[in-house]
Amino acid sequence: WVRLNFDDDEVIESFLRVNEYDLT
């Protein structure tokens, strides 16, 4: 891929959670 298309931080954080990482 040449770029991502994440709209906002909430969606980024949900992607990290499905990868089993919690920024809290």
PDB file of all heavy atoms in Angstrom:
ATOM      1  N   TRP A   1       0.828  -1.206   0.000  1.00  0.00           N
ATOM      2  CA  TRP A   1       0.000   0.000   0.000  1.00  0.00           C
ATOM      3  C   TRP A   1       0.867   1.262   0.000  1.00  0.00           C
ATOM      4  O   TRP A   1       1.989   1.264   0.499  1.00  0.00           O
ATOM      5  CB  TRP A   1      -0.900   0.015   1.235  1.00  0.00           C
ATOM      6  CG  TRP A   1      -2.093  -0.888   1.113  1.00  0.00           C
ATOM      7  CD1 TRP A   1      -2.290  -1.876   0.194  1.00  0.00           C
ATOM      8  CD2 TRP A   1      -3.240  -0.893   1.952  1.00  0.00           C
ATOM      9  NE1 TRP A   1      -3.486  -2.498   0.414  1.00  0.00           N
ATOM     10  CE2 TRP A   1      -4.097  -1.915   1.484  1.00  0.00           C
ATOM     11  CE3 TRP A   1      -3.626  -0.139   3.060  1.00  0.00           C
ATOM     12  CZ2 TRP A   1      -5.329  -2.196   2.081  1.00  0.00           C
ATOM     13  CZ3 TRP A   1      -4.851  -0.423   3.658  1.00  0.00           C
ATOM     14  CH2 TRP A   1      -5.688  -1.437   3.166  1.00  0.00           C
ATOM     15  N   VAL A   2       0.316   2.338  -0.546  1.00  0.00           N
ATOM     16  CA  VAL A   2       1.045   3.602  -0.618  1.00  0.00           C
ATOM     17  C   VAL A   2       0.540   4.633   0.394  1.00  0.00           C
ATOM     18  O   VAL A   2       1.182   5.653   0.608  1.00  0.00           O
ATOM     19  CB  VAL A   2       0.970   4.207  -2.038  1.00  0.00           C
ATOM     20  CG1 VAL A   2       1.634   3.287  -3.035  1.00  0.00           C
ATOM     21  CG2 VAL A   2      -0.477   4.484  -2.442  1.00  0.00           C
ATOM     22  N   ARG A   3      -0.623   4.363   0.993  1.00  0.00           N
ATOM     23  CA  ARG A   3      -1.144   5.268   2.021  1.00  0.00           C
ATOM     24  C   ARG A   3      -2.260   4.573   2.776  1.00  0.00           C
ATOM     25  O   ARG A   3      -2.791   3.550   2.349  1.00  0.00           O
ATOM     26  CB  ARG A   3      -1.670   6.572   1.428  1.00  0.00           C
ATOM     27  CG  ARG A   3      -2.818   6.426   0.461  1.00  0.00           C
ATOM     28  CD  ARG A   3      -3.361   7.786   0.076  1.00  0.00           C
ATOM     29  NE  ARG A   3      -3.917   8.475   1.237  1.00  0.00           N
ATOM     30  CZ  ARG A   3      -5.052   9.164   1.207  1.00  0.00           C
ATOM     31  NH1 ARG A   3      -5.744   9.244   0.089  1.00  0.00           N
ATOM     32  NH2 ARG A   3      -5.496   9.769   2.277  1.00  0.00           N
ATOM     33  N   LEU A   4      -2.603   5.143   3.941  1.00  0.00           N
ATOM     34  CA  LEU A   4      -3.743   4.674   4.713  1.00  0.00           C
ATOM     35  C   LEU A   4      -4.892   5.663   4.571  1.00  0.00           C
ATOM     36  O   LEU A   4      -4.732   6.749   3.999  1.00  0.00           O
ATOM     37  CB  LEU A   4      -3.352   4.517   6.184  1.00  0.00           C
ATOM     38  CG  LEU A   4      -2.279   3.459   6.488  1.00  0.00           C
ATOM     39  CD1 LEU A   4      -1.936   3.455   7.975  1.00  0.00           C
ATOM     40  CD2 LEU A   4      -2.716   2.072   6.043  1.00  0.00           C
ATOM     41  N   ASN A   5      -6.039   5.273   5.088  1.00  0.00           N
ATOM     42  CA  ASN A   5      -7.215   6.150   4.989  1.00  0.00           C
ATOM     43  C   ASN A   5      -8.024   6.121   6.285  1.00  0.00           C
ATOM     44  O   ASN A   5      -9.233   5.933   6.278  1.00  0.00           O
ATOM     45  CB  ASN A   5      -8.095   5.714   3.814  1.00  0.00           C
ATOM     46  CG  ASN A   5      -7.498   6.092   2.469  1.00  0.00           C
ATOM     47  OD1 ASN A   5      -7.490   7.262   2.086  1.00  0.00           O
ATOM     48  ND2 ASN A   5      -6.989   5.108   1.753  1.00  0.00           N
ATOM     49  N   PHE A   6      -7.334   6.330   7.401  1.00  0.00           N
ATOM     50  CA  PHE A   6      -8.020   6.411   8.687  1.00  0.00           C
ATOM     51  C   PHE A   6      -8.568   7.826   8.884  1.00  0.00           C
ATOM     52  O   PHE A   6      -7.838   8.810   8.728  1.00  0.00           O
ATOM     53  CB  PHE A   6      -7.075   6.051   9.828  1.00  0.00           C
ATOM     54  CG  PHE A   6      -6.778   4.572   9.910  1.00  0.00           C
ATOM     55  CD1 PHE A   6      -5.658   4.035   9.285  1.00  0.00           C
ATOM     56  CD2 PHE A   6      -7.625   3.725  10.605  1.00  0.00           C
ATOM     57  CE1 PHE A   6      -5.392   2.680   9.356  1.00  0.00           C
ATOM     58  CE2 PHE A   6      -7.373   2.372  10.673  1.00  0.00           C
ATOM     59  CZ  PHE A   6      -6.252   1.843  10.056  1.00  0.00           C
ATOM     60  N   ASP A   7      -9.840   7.905   9.257  1.00  0.00           N
ATOM     61  CA  ASP A   7     -10.515   9.204   9.331  1.00  0.00           C
ATOM     62  C   ASP A   7     -10.162  10.000  10.582  1.00  0.00           C
ATOM     63  O   ASP A   7     -10.008  11.220  10.520  1.00  0.00           O
ATOM     64  CB  ASP A   7     -12.036   9.018   9.283  1.00  0.00           C
ATOM     65  CG  ASP A   7     -12.506   8.496   7.936  1.00  0.00           C
ATOM     66  OD1 ASP A   7     -11.798   8.724   6.942  1.00  0.00           O
ATOM     67  OD2 ASP A   7     -13.566   7.855   7.886  1.00  0.00           O
ATOM     68  N   ASP A   8     -10.076   9.330  11.742  1.00  0.00           N
ATOM     69  CA  ASP A   8      -9.854  10.062  12.995  1.00  0.00           C
ATOM     70  C   ASP A   8      -9.196   9.147  14.019  1.00  0.00           C
ATOM     71  O   ASP A   8      -9.013   7.952  13.796  1.00  0.00           O
ATOM     72  CB  ASP A   8     -11.173  10.631  13.532  1.00  0.00           C
ATOM     73  CG  ASP A   8     -12.244   9.554  13.686  1.00  0.00           C
ATOM     74  OD1 ASP A   8     -11.935   8.464  14.214  1.00  0.00           O
ATOM     75  OD2 ASP A   8     -13.390   9.797  13.271  1.00  0.00           O
ATOM     76  N   ASP A   9      -8.844   9.730  15.142  1.00  0.00           N
ATOM     77  CA  ASP A   9      -8.123   8.978  16.182  1.00  0.00           C
ATOM     78  C   ASP A   9      -8.959   7.838  16.758  1.00  0.00           C
ATOM     79  O   ASP A   9      -8.418   6.806  17.160  1.00  0.00           O
ATOM     80  CB  ASP A   9      -7.705   9.923  17.306  1.00  0.00           C
ATOM     81  CG  ASP A   9      -6.475  10.746  16.947  1.00  0.00           C
ATOM     82  OD1 ASP A   9      -5.977  10.581  15.806  1.00  0.00           O
ATOM     83  OD2 ASP A   9      -6.022  11.549  17.778  1.00  0.00           O
ATOM     84  N   GLU A  10     -10.276   8.018  16.810  1.00  0.00           N
ATOM     85  CA  GLU A  10     -11.129   6.964  17.367  1.00  0.00           C
ATOM     86  C   GLU A  10     -11.038   5.693  16.522  1.00  0.00           C
ATOM     87  O   GLU A  10     -10.986   4.574  17.053  1.00  0.00           O
ATOM     88  CB  GLU A  10     -12.573   7.455  17.442  1.00  0.00           C
ATOM     89  CG  GLU A  10     -13.468   6.547  18.271  1.00  0.00           C
ATOM     90  CD  GLU A  10     -14.868   7.114  18.416  1.00  0.00           C
ATOM     91  OE1 GLU A  10     -15.240   8.022  17.643  1.00  0.00           O
ATOM     92  OE2 GLU A  10     -15.597   6.632  19.304  1.00  0.00           O
ATOM     93  N   VAL A  11     -11.002   5.857  15.211  1.00  0.00           N
ATOM     94  CA  VAL A  11     -10.890   4.696  14.324  1.00  0.00           C
ATOM     95  C   VAL A  11      -9.488   4.092  14.418  1.00  0.00           C
ATOM     96  O   VAL A  11      -9.320   2.864  14.388  1.00  0.00           O
ATOM     97  CB  VAL A  11     -11.217   5.108  12.869  1.00  0.00           C
ATOM     98  CG1 VAL A  11     -11.020   3.923  11.918  1.00  0.00           C
ATOM     99  CG2 VAL A  11     -12.657   5.614  12.770  1.00  0.00           C
ATOM    100  N   ILE A  12      -8.473   4.938  14.552  1.00  0.00           N
ATOM    101  CA  ILE A  12      -7.105   4.444  14.733  1.00  0.00           C
ATOM    102  C   ILE A  12      -7.007   3.608  16.000  1.00  0.00           C
ATOM    103  O   ILE A  12      -6.425   2.511  16.011  1.00  0.00           O
ATOM    104  CB  ILE A  12      -6.104   5.618  14.783  1.00  0.00           C
ATOM    105  CG1 ILE A  12      -6.036   6.320  13.428  1.00  0.00           C
ATOM    106  CG2 ILE A  12      -4.712   5.125  15.193  1.00  0.00           C
ATOM    107  CD1 ILE A  12      -5.256   7.619  13.447  1.00  0.00           C
ATOM    108  N   GLU A  13      -7.583   4.115  17.084  1.00  0.00           N
ATOM    109  CA  GLU A  13      -7.524   3.396  18.357  1.00  0.00           C
ATOM    110  C   GLU A  13      -8.282   2.074  18.297  1.00  0.00           C
ATOM    111  O   GLU A  13      -7.861   1.074  18.886  1.00  0.00           O
ATOM    112  CB  GLU A  13      -8.085   4.286  19.469  1.00  0.00           C
ATOM    113  CG  GLU A  13      -7.169   5.456  19.800  1.00  0.00           C
ATOM    114  CD  GLU A  13      -7.869   6.539  20.606  1.00  0.00           C
ATOM    115  OE1 GLU A  13      -9.002   6.263  21.091  1.00  0.00           O
ATOM    116  OE2 GLU A  13      -7.301   7.635  20.756  1.00  0.00           O
ATOM    117  N   SER A  14      -9.382   2.033  17.554  1.00  0.00           N
ATOM    118  CA  SER A  14     -10.124   0.774  17.418  1.00  0.00           C
ATOM    119  C   SER A  14      -9.315  -0.238  16.606  1.00  0.00           C
ATOM    120  O   SER A  14      -9.345  -1.445  16.892  1.00  0.00           O
ATOM    121  CB  SER A  14     -11.487   1.025  16.768  1.00  0.00           C
ATOM    122  OG  SER A  14     -11.360   1.347  15.395  1.00  0.00           O
ATOM    123  N   PHE A  15      -8.571   0.244  15.604  1.00  0.00           N
ATOM    124  CA  PHE A  15      -7.705  -0.657  14.840  1.00  0.00           C
ATOM    125  C   PHE A  15      -6.600  -1.230  15.728  1.00  0.00           C
ATOM    126  O   PHE A  15      -6.271  -2.416  15.637  1.00  0.00           O
ATOM    127  CB  PHE A  15      -7.094   0.098  13.654  1.00  0.00           C
ATOM    128  CG  PHE A  15      -6.106  -0.722  12.860  1.00  0.00           C
ATOM    129  CD1 PHE A  15      -6.540  -1.756  12.046  1.00  0.00           C
ATOM    130  CD2 PHE A  15      -4.750  -0.461  12.938  1.00  0.00           C
ATOM    131  CE1 PHE A  15      -5.632  -2.520  11.321  1.00  0.00           C
ATOM    132  CE2 PHE A  15      -3.842  -1.211  12.214  1.00  0.00           C
ATOM    133  CZ  PHE A  15      -4.284  -2.244  11.402  1.00  0.00           C
ATOM    134  N   LEU A  16      -6.048  -0.405  16.601  1.00  0.00           N
ATOM    135  CA  LEU A  16      -5.036  -0.905  17.537  1.00  0.00           C
ATOM    136  C   LEU A  16      -5.637  -1.912  18.512  1.00  0.00           C
ATOM    137  O   LEU A  16      -5.001  -2.907  18.862  1.00  0.00           O
ATOM    138  CB  LEU A  16      -4.407   0.265  18.292  1.00  0.00           C
ATOM    139  CG  LEU A  16      -3.559   1.222  17.440  1.00  0.00           C
ATOM    140  CD1 LEU A  16      -3.174   2.447  18.258  1.00  0.00           C
ATOM    141  CD2 LEU A  16      -2.324   0.520  16.909  1.00  0.00           C
ATOM    142  N   ARG A  17      -6.872  -1.681  18.936  1.00  0.00           N
ATOM    143  CA  ARG A  17      -7.505  -2.624  19.868  1.00  0.00           C
ATOM    144  C   ARG A  17      -7.750  -3.980  19.221  1.00  0.00           C
ATOM    145  O   ARG A  17      -7.595  -5.009  19.882  1.00  0.00           O
ATOM    146  CB  ARG A  17      -8.822  -2.042  20.403  1.00  0.00           C
ATOM    147  CG  ARG A  17      -8.637  -0.945  21.450  1.00  0.00           C
ATOM    148  CD  ARG A  17      -9.925  -0.682  22.210  1.00  0.00           C
ATOM    149  NE  ARG A  17     -10.996  -0.203  21.332  1.00  0.00           N
ATOM    150  CZ  ARG A  17     -11.192   1.078  21.032  1.00  0.00           C
ATOM    151  NH1 ARG A  17     -10.384   2.003  21.530  1.00  0.00           N
ATOM    152  NH2 ARG A  17     -12.183   1.443  20.245  1.00  0.00           N
ATOM    153  N   VAL A  18      -8.127  -3.993  17.947  1.00  0.00           N
ATOM    154  CA  VAL A  18      -8.335  -5.288  17.288  1.00  0.00           C
ATOM    155  C   VAL A  18      -7.003  -6.009  17.082  1.00  0.00           C
ATOM    156  O   VAL A  18      -6.955  -7.225  16.912  1.00  0.00           O
ATOM    157  CB  VAL A  18      -9.100  -5.115  15.953  1.00  0.00           C
ATOM    158  CG1 VAL A  18      -8.175  -4.715  14.809  1.00  0.00           C
ATOM    159  CG2 VAL A  18      -9.837  -6.397  15.580  1.00  0.00           C
ATOM    160  N   ASN A  19      -5.903  -5.248  17.154  1.00  0.00           N
ATOM    161  CA  ASN A  19      -4.567  -5.829  17.153  1.00  0.00           C
ATOM    162  C   ASN A  19      -4.095  -6.163  18.564  1.00  0.00           C
ATOM    163  O   ASN A  19      -2.929  -6.514  18.761  1.00  0.00           O
ATOM    164  CB  ASN A  19      -3.566  -4.874  16.502  1.00  0.00           C
ATOM    165  CG  ASN A  19      -3.574  -4.960  14.990  1.00  0.00           C
ATOM    166  OD1 ASN A  19      -2.931  -5.813  14.403  1.00  0.00           O
ATOM    167  ND2 ASN A  19      -4.323  -4.059  14.351  1.00  0.00           N
ATOM    168  N   GLU A  20      -4.981  -6.003  19.543  1.00  0.00           N
ATOM    169  CA  GLU A  20      -4.729  -6.326  20.954  1.00  0.00           C
ATOM    170  C   GLU A  20      -3.816  -5.313  21.657  1.00  0.00           C
ATOM    171  O   GLU A  20      -3.097  -5.653  22.595  1.00  0.00           O
ATOM    172  CB  GLU A  20      -4.154  -7.740  21.123  1.00  0.00           C
ATOM    173  CG  GLU A  20      -5.100  -8.849  20.704  1.00  0.00           C
ATOM    174  CD  GLU A  20      -6.248  -9.054  21.696  1.00  0.00           C
ATOM    175  OE1 GLU A  20      -6.310  -8.302  22.691  1.00  0.00           O
ATOM    176  OE2 GLU A  20      -7.069  -9.961  21.482  1.00  0.00           O
ATOM    177  N   TYR A  21      -3.864  -4.050  21.217  1.00  0.00           N
ATOM    178  CA  TYR A  21      -3.131  -2.989  21.900  1.00  0.00           C
ATOM    179  C   TYR A  21      -4.100  -1.913  22.348  1.00  0.00           C
ATOM    180  O   TYR A  21      -4.957  -1.463  21.581  1.00  0.00           O
ATOM    181  CB  TYR A  21      -2.054  -2.391  20.990  1.00  0.00           C
ATOM    182  CG  TYR A  21      -0.831  -3.268  20.890  1.00  0.00           C
ATOM    183  CD1 TYR A  21      -0.588  -4.033  19.745  1.00  0.00           C
ATOM    184  CD2 TYR A  21       0.071  -3.342  21.940  1.00  0.00           C
ATOM    185  CE1 TYR A  21       0.531  -4.848  19.659  1.00  0.00           C
ATOM    186  CE2 TYR A  21       1.191  -4.150  21.869  1.00  0.00           C
ATOM    187  CZ  TYR A  21       1.415  -4.907  20.728  1.00  0.00           C
ATOM    188  OH  TYR A  21       2.516  -5.722  20.666  1.00  0.00           O
ATOM    189  N   ASP A  22      -3.936  -1.486  23.596  1.00  0.00           N
ATOM    190  CA  ASP A  22      -4.813  -0.497  24.208  1.00  0.00           C
ATOM    191  C   ASP A  22      -3.967   0.700  24.647  1.00  0.00           C
ATOM    192  O   ASP A  22      -3.128   0.590  25.547  1.00  0.00           O
ATOM    193  CB  ASP A  22      -5.522  -1.129  25.410  1.00  0.00           C
ATOM    194  CG  ASP A  22      -6.514  -0.179  26.061  1.00  0.00           C
ATOM    195  OD1 ASP A  22      -6.596   0.996  25.649  1.00  0.00           O
ATOM    196  OD2 ASP A  22      -7.205  -0.619  27.003  1.00  0.00           O
ATOM    197  N   LEU A  23      -4.190   1.843  24.019  1.00  0.00           N
ATOM    198  CA  LEU A  23      -3.369   3.020  24.301  1.00  0.00           C
ATOM    199  C   LEU A  23      -3.613   3.594  25.689  1.00  0.00           C
ATOM    200  O   LEU A  23      -2.845   4.457  26.131  1.00  0.00           O
ATOM    201  CB  LEU A  23      -3.611   4.098  23.240  1.00  0.00           C
ATOM    202  CG  LEU A  23      -3.100   3.775  21.835  1.00  0.00           C
ATOM    203  CD1 LEU A  23      -3.316   4.961  20.904  1.00  0.00           C
ATOM    204  CD2 LEU A  23      -1.633   3.379  21.843  1.00  0.00           C
ATOM    205  N   THR A  24      -4.635   3.142  26.382  1.00  0.00           N
ATOM    206  CA  THR A  24      -4.822   3.595  27.757  1.00  0.00           C
ATOM    207  C   THR A  24      -3.866   2.879  28.716  1.00  0.00           C
ATOM    208  O   THR A  24      -3.739   3.302  29.873  1.00  0.00           O
ATOM    209  CB  THR A  24      -6.273   3.358  28.226  1.00  0.00           C
ATOM    210  OG1 THR A  24      -6.538   1.947  28.276  1.00  0.00           O
ATOM    211  CG2 THR A  24      -7.260   4.040  27.295  1.00  0.00           C
TER     212      THR A  24
END
